[in-house]
PDB file of all heavy atoms in Angstrom:
ATOM      1  N   LEU A   1      43.161-160.553  -4.691  1.00  0.00           N
ATOM      2  CA  LEU A   1      43.577-159.230  -4.255  1.00  0.00           C
ATOM      3  C   LEU A   1      42.378-158.301  -4.115  1.00  0.00           C
ATOM      4  O   LEU A   1      41.412-158.378  -4.876  1.00  0.00           O
ATOM      5  CB  LEU A   1      44.573-158.649  -5.265  1.00  0.00           C
ATOM      6  CG  LEU A   1      45.883-159.423  -5.391  1.00  0.00           C
ATOM      7  CD1 LEU A   1      46.711-158.892  -6.538  1.00  0.00           C
ATOM      8  CD2 LEU A   1      46.680-159.364  -4.091  1.00  0.00           C
ATOM      9  N   ASP A   2      42.461-157.390  -3.154  1.00  0.00           N
ATOM     10  CA  ASP A   2      41.431-156.366  -2.970  1.00  0.00           C
ATOM     11  C   ASP A   2      41.681-155.241  -3.960  1.00  0.00           C
ATOM     12  O   ASP A   2      42.755-154.626  -3.958  1.00  0.00           O
ATOM     13  CB  ASP A   2      41.466-155.833  -1.539  1.00  0.00           C
ATOM     14  CG  ASP A   2      41.135-156.906  -0.510  1.00  0.00           C
ATOM     15  OD1 ASP A   2      40.351-157.813  -0.837  1.00  0.00           O
ATOM     16  OD2 ASP A   2      41.657-156.829   0.620  1.00  0.00           O
ATOM     17  N   MET A   3      40.681-154.956  -4.777  1.00  0.00           N
ATOM     18  CA  MET A   3      40.883-153.985  -5.860  1.00  0.00           C
ATOM     19  C   MET A   3      39.552-153.340  -6.223  1.00  0.00           C
ATOM     20  O   MET A   3      38.525-154.026  -6.325  1.00  0.00           O
ATOM     21  CB  MET A   3      41.457-154.701  -7.088  1.00  0.00           C
ATOM     22  CG  MET A   3      41.535-153.863  -8.345  1.00  0.00           C
ATOM     23  SD  MET A   3      42.787-152.605  -8.209  1.00  0.00           S
ATOM     24  CE  MET A   3      44.218-153.643  -8.031  1.00  0.00           C
ATOM     25  N   THR A   4      39.567-152.029  -6.406  1.00  0.00           N
ATOM     26  CA  THR A   4      38.397-151.307  -6.914  1.00  0.00           C
ATOM     27  C   THR A   4      38.786-150.648  -8.222  1.00  0.00           C
ATOM     28  O   THR A   4      39.719-149.835  -8.259  1.00  0.00           O
ATOM     29  CB  THR A   4      37.910-150.251  -5.911  1.00  0.00           C
ATOM     30  OG1 THR A   4      37.546-150.894  -4.682  1.00  0.00           O
ATOM     31  CG2 THR A   4      36.707-149.499  -6.468  1.00  0.00           C
ATOM     32  N   ILE A   5      38.099-151.011  -9.297  1.00  0.00           N
ATOM     33  CA  ILE A   5      38.412-150.502 -10.635  1.00  0.00           C
ATOM     34  C   ILE A   5      37.244-149.665 -11.146  1.00  0.00           C
ATOM     35  O   ILE A   5      36.117-150.157 -11.242  1.00  0.00           O
ATOM     36  CB  ILE A   5      38.682-151.656 -11.620  1.00  0.00           C
ATOM     37  CG1 ILE A   5      39.800-152.562 -11.108  1.00  0.00           C
ATOM     38  CG2 ILE A   5      39.027-151.106 -13.008  1.00  0.00           C
ATOM     39  CD1 ILE A   5      40.016-153.803 -11.963  1.00  0.00           C
ATOM     40  N   PHE A   6      37.522-148.409 -11.450  1.00  0.00           N
ATOM     41  CA  PHE A   6      36.551-147.552 -12.128  1.00  0.00           C
ATOM     42  C   PHE A   6      36.906-147.545 -13.621  1.00  0.00           C
ATOM     43  O   PHE A   6      37.964-147.038 -14.009  1.00  0.00           O
ATOM     44  CB  PHE A   6      36.577-146.135 -11.564  1.00  0.00           C
ATOM     45  CG  PHE A   6      36.020-146.032 -10.169  1.00  0.00           C
ATOM     46  CD1 PHE A   6      36.848-146.126  -9.065  1.00  0.00           C
ATOM     47  CD2 PHE A   6      34.656-145.851  -9.971  1.00  0.00           C
ATOM     48  CE1 PHE A   6      36.339-146.048  -7.769  1.00  0.00           C
ATOM     49  CE2 PHE A   6      34.129-145.767  -8.680  1.00  0.00           C
ATOM     50  CZ  PHE A   6      34.978-145.868  -7.581  1.00  0.00           C
ATOM     51  N   ILE A   7      36.038-148.134 -14.428  1.00  0.00           N
ATOM     52  CA  ILE A   7      36.254-148.173 -15.874  1.00  0.00           C
ATOM     53  C   ILE A   7      35.504-146.992 -16.485  1.00  0.00           C
ATOM     54  O   ILE A   7      34.277-146.895 -16.368  1.00  0.00           O
ATOM     55  CB  ILE A   7      35.738-149.486 -16.476  1.00  0.00           C
ATOM     56  CG1 ILE A   7      36.409-150.687 -15.803  1.00  0.00           C
ATOM     57  CG2 ILE A   7      35.976-149.519 -17.984  1.00  0.00           C
ATOM     58  CD1 ILE A   7      35.750-152.013 -16.134  1.00  0.00           C
ATOM     59  N   LEU A   8      36.251-146.098 -17.113  1.00  0.00           N
ATOM     60  CA  LEU A   8      35.643-144.909 -17.714  1.00  0.00           C
ATOM     61  C   LEU A   8      35.388-145.191 -19.188  1.00  0.00           C
ATOM     62  O   LEU A   8      36.323-145.275 -19.998  1.00  0.00           O
ATOM     63  CB  LEU A   8      36.566-143.707 -17.532  1.00  0.00           C
ATOM     64  CG  LEU A   8      37.064-143.492 -16.095  1.00  0.00           C
ATOM     65  CD1 LEU A   8      37.910-142.240 -16.000  1.00  0.00           C
ATOM     66  CD2 LEU A   8      35.896-143.436 -15.115  1.00  0.00           C
ATOM     67  N   ASN A   9      34.139-145.369 -19.526  1.00  0.00           N
ATOM     68  CA  ASN A   9      33.754-145.761 -20.886  1.00  0.00           C
ATOM     69  C   ASN A   9      33.293-144.529 -21.659  1.00  0.00           C
ATOM     70  O   ASN A   9      32.192-144.027 -21.459  1.00  0.00           O
ATOM     71  CB  ASN A   9      32.640-146.807 -20.828  1.00  0.00           C
ATOM     72  CG  ASN A   9      32.409-147.462 -22.180  1.00  0.00           C
ATOM     73  OD1 ASN A   9      32.615-146.849 -23.225  1.00  0.00           O
ATOM     74  ND2 ASN A   9      31.976-148.710 -22.157  1.00  0.00           N
ATOM     75  N   ASN A  10      34.179-144.044 -22.524  1.00  0.00           N
ATOM     76  CA  ASN A  10      33.825-142.893 -23.376  1.00  0.00           C
ATOM     77  C   ASN A  10      33.939-143.239 -24.850  1.00  0.00           C
ATOM     78  O   ASN A  10      34.225-142.381 -25.690  1.00  0.00           O
ATOM     79  CB  ASN A  10      34.664-141.664 -23.022  1.00  0.00           C
ATOM     80  CG  ASN A  10      36.147-141.987 -22.930  1.00  0.00           C
ATOM     81  OD1 ASN A  10      36.602-143.038 -23.385  1.00  0.00           O
ATOM     82  ND2 ASN A  10      36.918-141.088 -22.355  1.00  0.00           N
ATOM     83  N   ASN A  11      33.718-144.525 -25.157  1.00  0.00           N
ATOM     84  CA  ASN A  11      33.555-144.969 -26.537  1.00  0.00           C
ATOM     85  C   ASN A  11      34.800-144.749 -27.386  1.00  0.00           C
ATOM     86  O   ASN A  11      34.762-144.100 -28.426  1.00  0.00           O
ATOM     87  CB  ASN A  11      32.342-144.272 -27.185  1.00  0.00           C
ATOM     88  CG  ASN A  11      31.928-144.923 -28.485  1.00  0.00           C
ATOM     89  OD1 ASN A  11      32.177-146.103 -28.689  1.00  0.00           O
ATOM     90  ND2 ASN A  11      31.292-144.154 -29.362  1.00  0.00           N
ATOM     91  N   GLY A  12      35.917-145.304 -26.925  1.00  0.00           N
ATOM     92  CA  GLY A  12      37.129-145.252 -27.744  1.00  0.00           C
ATOM     93  C   GLY A  12      38.248-144.477 -27.087  1.00  0.00           C
ATOM     94  O   GLY A  12      38.208-144.146 -25.904  1.00  0.00           O
ATOM     95  N   TYR A  13      39.266-144.179 -27.905  1.00  0.00           N
ATOM     96  CA  TYR A  13      40.455-143.477 -27.418  1.00  0.00           C
ATOM     97  C   TYR A  13      40.226-141.972 -27.467  1.00  0.00           C
ATOM     98  O   TYR A  13      40.589-141.301 -28.441  1.00  0.00           O
ATOM     99  CB  TYR A  13      41.672-143.847 -28.263  1.00  0.00           C
ATOM    100  CG  TYR A  13      42.054-145.303 -28.227  1.00  0.00           C
ATOM    101  CD1 TYR A  13      42.207-146.039 -29.394  1.00  0.00           C
ATOM    102  CD2 TYR A  13      42.271-145.950 -27.012  1.00  0.00           C
ATOM    103  CE1 TYR A  13      42.561-147.381 -29.364  1.00  0.00           C
ATOM    104  CE2 TYR A  13      42.629-147.288 -26.969  1.00  0.00           C
ATOM    105  CZ  TYR A  13      42.764-148.000 -28.158  1.00  0.00           C
ATOM    106  OH  TYR A  13      43.127-149.327 -28.120  1.00  0.00           O
ATOM    107  N   THR A  14      39.631-141.450 -26.399  1.00  0.00           N
ATOM    108  CA  THR A  14      39.282-140.027 -26.400  1.00  0.00           C
ATOM    109  C   THR A  14      40.516-139.138 -26.512  1.00  0.00           C
ATOM    110  O   THR A  14      40.501-138.131 -27.238  1.00  0.00           O
ATOM    111  CB  THR A  14      38.476-139.683 -25.142  1.00  0.00           C
ATOM    112  OG1 THR A  14      37.176-140.277 -25.249  1.00  0.00           O
ATOM    113  CG2 THR A  14      38.320-138.183 -24.986  1.00  0.00           C
ATOM    114  N   ILE A  15      41.601-139.488 -25.815  1.00  0.00           N
ATOM    115  CA  ILE A  15      42.788-138.632 -25.879  1.00  0.00           C
ATOM    116  C   ILE A  15      43.333-138.566 -27.307  1.00  0.00           C
ATOM    117  O   ILE A  15      43.746-137.507 -27.779  1.00  0.00           O
ATOM    118  CB  ILE A  15      43.880-139.121 -24.899  1.00  0.00           C
ATOM    119  CG1 ILE A  15      45.064-138.137 -24.894  1.00  0.00           C
ATOM    120  CG2 ILE A  15      44.341-140.527 -25.220  1.00  0.00           C
ATOM    121  CD1 ILE A  15      46.074-138.413 -23.810  1.00  0.00           C
ATOM    122  N   GLU A  16      43.282-139.689 -28.032  1.00  0.00           N
ATOM    123  CA  GLU A  16      43.744-139.689 -29.419  1.00  0.00           C
ATOM    124  C   GLU A  16      42.767-138.926 -30.305  1.00  0.00           C
ATOM    125  O   GLU A  16      43.172-138.226 -31.240  1.00  0.00           O
ATOM    126  CB  GLU A  16      43.918-141.120 -29.927  1.00  0.00           C
ATOM    127  CG  GLU A  16      44.694-142.049 -29.008  1.00  0.00           C
ATOM    128  CD  GLU A  16      46.154-141.651 -28.859  1.00  0.00           C
ATOM    129  OE1 GLU A  16      46.575-140.632 -29.438  1.00  0.00           O
ATOM    130  OE2 GLU A  16      46.880-142.361 -28.141  1.00  0.00           O
ATOM    131  N   ARG A  17      41.473-139.062 -30.035  1.00  0.00           N
ATOM    132  CA  ARG A  17      40.475-138.319 -30.821  1.00  0.00           C
ATOM    133  C   ARG A  17      40.726-136.812 -30.729  1.00  0.00           C
ATOM    134  O   ARG A  17      40.622-136.088 -31.714  1.00  0.00           O
ATOM    135  CB  ARG A  17      39.061-138.623 -30.308  1.00  0.00           C
ATOM    136  CG  ARG A  17      38.582-140.045 -30.509  1.00  0.00           C
ATOM    137  CD  ARG A  17      37.104-140.143 -30.133  1.00  0.00           C
ATOM    138  NE  ARG A  17      36.631-141.503 -29.992  1.00  0.00           N
ATOM    139  CZ  ARG A  17      36.301-142.322 -30.984  1.00  0.00           C
ATOM    140  NH1 ARG A  17      36.434-141.903 -32.227  1.00  0.00           N
ATOM    141  NH2 ARG A  17      35.858-143.542 -30.732  1.00  0.00           N
ATOM    142  N   ILE A  18      41.053-136.358 -29.519  1.00  0.00           N
ATOM    143  CA  ILE A  18      41.260-134.928 -29.325  1.00  0.00           C
ATOM    144  C   ILE A  18      42.531-134.466 -30.035  1.00  0.00           C
ATOM    145  O   ILE A  18      42.591-133.353 -30.567  1.00  0.00           O
ATOM    146  CB  ILE A  18      41.321-134.609 -27.812  1.00  0.00           C
ATOM    147  CG1 ILE A  18      39.964-134.887 -27.183  1.00  0.00           C
ATOM    148  CG2 ILE A  18      41.717-133.152 -27.578  1.00  0.00           C
ATOM    149  CD1 ILE A  18      39.968-134.774 -25.680  1.00  0.00           C
ATOM    150  N   ILE A  19      43.543-135.339 -30.070  1.00  0.00           N
ATOM    151  CA  ILE A  19      44.789-134.974 -30.752  1.00  0.00           C
ATOM    152  C   ILE A  19      44.593-134.946 -32.258  1.00  0.00           C
ATOM    153  O   ILE A  19      44.985-134.000 -32.947  1.00  0.00           O
ATOM    154  CB  ILE A  19      45.909-135.967 -30.370  1.00  0.00           C
ATOM    155  CG1 ILE A  19      46.251-135.838 -28.886  1.00  0.00           C
ATOM    156  CG2 ILE A  19      47.163-135.722 -31.219  1.00  0.00           C
ATOM    157  CD1 ILE A  19      47.212-136.896 -28.383  1.00  0.00           C
ATOM    158  N   HIS A  20      43.974-135.996 -32.800  1.00  0.00           N
ATOM    159  CA  HIS A  20      43.793-136.064 -34.263  1.00  0.00           C
ATOM    160  C   HIS A  20      42.816-137.184 -34.611  1.00  0.00           C
ATOM    161  O   HIS A  20      42.858-138.256 -34.024  1.00  0.00           O
ATOM    162  CB  HIS A  20      45.139-136.332 -34.956  1.00  0.00           C
ATOM    163  CG  HIS A  20      45.040-136.424 -36.450  1.00  0.00           C
ATOM    164  ND1 HIS A  20      44.911-135.311 -37.253  1.00  0.00           N
ATOM    165  CD2 HIS A  20      45.036-137.498 -37.275  1.00  0.00           C
ATOM    166  CE1 HIS A  20      44.842-135.687 -38.516  1.00  0.00           C
ATOM    167  NE2 HIS A  20      44.922-137.017 -38.559  1.00  0.00           N
ATOM    168  N   GLY A  21      41.974-136.933 -35.598  1.00  0.00           N
ATOM    169  CA  GLY A  21      41.073-137.962 -36.124  1.00  0.00           C
ATOM    170  C   GLY A  21      39.918-138.261 -35.200  1.00  0.00           C
ATOM    171  O   GLY A  21      39.707-139.417 -34.821  1.00  0.00           O
ATOM    172  N   PHE A  22      39.141-137.228 -34.860  1.00  0.00           N
ATOM    173  CA  PHE A  22      38.107-137.409 -33.851  1.00  0.00           C
ATOM    174  C   PHE A  22      37.136-138.528 -34.219  1.00  0.00           C
ATOM    175  O   PHE A  22      36.773-139.351 -33.371  1.00  0.00           O
ATOM    176  CB  PHE A  22      37.327-136.105 -33.617  1.00  0.00           C
ATOM    177  CG  PHE A  22      36.428-136.175 -32.423  1.00  0.00           C
ATOM    178  CD1 PHE A  22      36.905-135.886 -31.155  1.00  0.00           C
ATOM    179  CD2 PHE A  22      35.106-136.578 -32.545  1.00  0.00           C
ATOM    180  CE1 PHE A  22      36.088-135.986 -30.041  1.00  0.00           C
ATOM    181  CE2 PHE A  22      34.279-136.681 -31.434  1.00  0.00           C
ATOM    182  CZ  PHE A  22      34.768-136.381 -30.184  1.00  0.00           C
ATOM    183  N   TYR A  23      36.723-138.569 -35.488  1.00  0.00           N
ATOM    184  CA  TYR A  23      35.767-139.597 -35.905  1.00  0.00           C
ATOM    185  C   TYR A  23      36.424-140.725 -36.687  1.00  0.00           C
ATOM    186  O   TYR A  23      35.741-141.577 -37.259  1.00  0.00           O
ATOM    187  CB  TYR A  23      34.655-138.968 -36.749  1.00  0.00           C
ATOM    188  CG  TYR A  23      33.779-138.019 -35.958  1.00  0.00           C
ATOM    189  CD1 TYR A  23      33.884-136.641 -36.122  1.00  0.00           C
ATOM    190  CD2 TYR A  23      32.867-138.502 -35.018  1.00  0.00           C
ATOM    191  CE1 TYR A  23      33.097-135.764 -35.391  1.00  0.00           C
ATOM    192  CE2 TYR A  23      32.077-137.635 -34.286  1.00  0.00           C
ATOM    193  CZ  TYR A  23      32.187-136.264 -34.475  1.00  0.00           C
ATOM    194  OH  TYR A  23      31.405-135.412 -33.739  1.00  0.00           O
ATOM    195  N   ALA A  24      37.742-140.756 -36.722  1.00  0.00           N
ATOM    196  CA  ALA A  24      38.445-141.790 -37.479  1.00  0.00           C
ATOM    197  C   ALA A  24      38.242-143.159 -36.820  1.00  0.00           C
ATOM    198  O   ALA A  24      38.255-143.281 -35.592  1.00  0.00           O
ATOM    199  CB  ALA A  24      39.931-141.464 -37.552  1.00  0.00           C
ATOM    200  N   ASP A  25      38.094-144.187 -37.667  1.00  0.00           N
ATOM    201  CA  ASP A  25      37.824-145.504 -37.109  1.00  0.00           C
ATOM    202  C   ASP A  25      39.015-146.077 -36.357  1.00  0.00           C
ATOM    203  O   ASP A  25      38.866-146.981 -35.542  1.00  0.00           O
ATOM    204  CB  ASP A  25      37.363-146.471 -38.198  1.00  0.00           C
ATOM    205  CG  ASP A  25      38.355-146.623 -39.340  1.00  0.00           C
ATOM    206  OD1 ASP A  25      39.446-146.027 -39.276  1.00  0.00           O
ATOM    207  OD2 ASP A  25      38.030-147.358 -40.305  1.00  0.00           O
ATOM    208  N   TYR A  26      40.229-145.542 -36.615  1.00  0.00           N
ATOM    209  CA  TYR A  26      41.369-146.063 -35.867  1.00  0.00           C
ATOM    210  C   TYR A  26      41.355-145.636 -34.403  1.00  0.00           C
ATOM    211  O   TYR A  26      42.134-146.141 -33.598  1.00  0.00           O
ATOM    212  CB  TYR A  26      42.711-145.690 -36.522  1.00  0.00           C
ATOM    213  CG  TYR A  26      42.893-144.228 -36.889  1.00  0.00           C
ATOM    214  CD1 TYR A  26      43.059-143.241 -35.923  1.00  0.00           C
ATOM    215  CD2 TYR A  26      42.927-143.843 -38.232  1.00  0.00           C
ATOM    216  CE1 TYR A  26      43.242-141.920 -36.264  1.00  0.00           C
ATOM    217  CE2 TYR A  26      43.115-142.516 -38.592  1.00  0.00           C
ATOM    218  CZ  TYR A  26      43.278-141.552 -37.611  1.00  0.00           C
ATOM    219  OH  TYR A  26      43.462-140.233 -37.960  1.00  0.00           O
TER     220      TYR A  26
END
């Protein structure tokens, strides 16, 4: 299949970090 994937690498679950536990290992 023809596909273009942009992988945004921001070192973890940024949306969860912003909600709670910014530096938490989970």
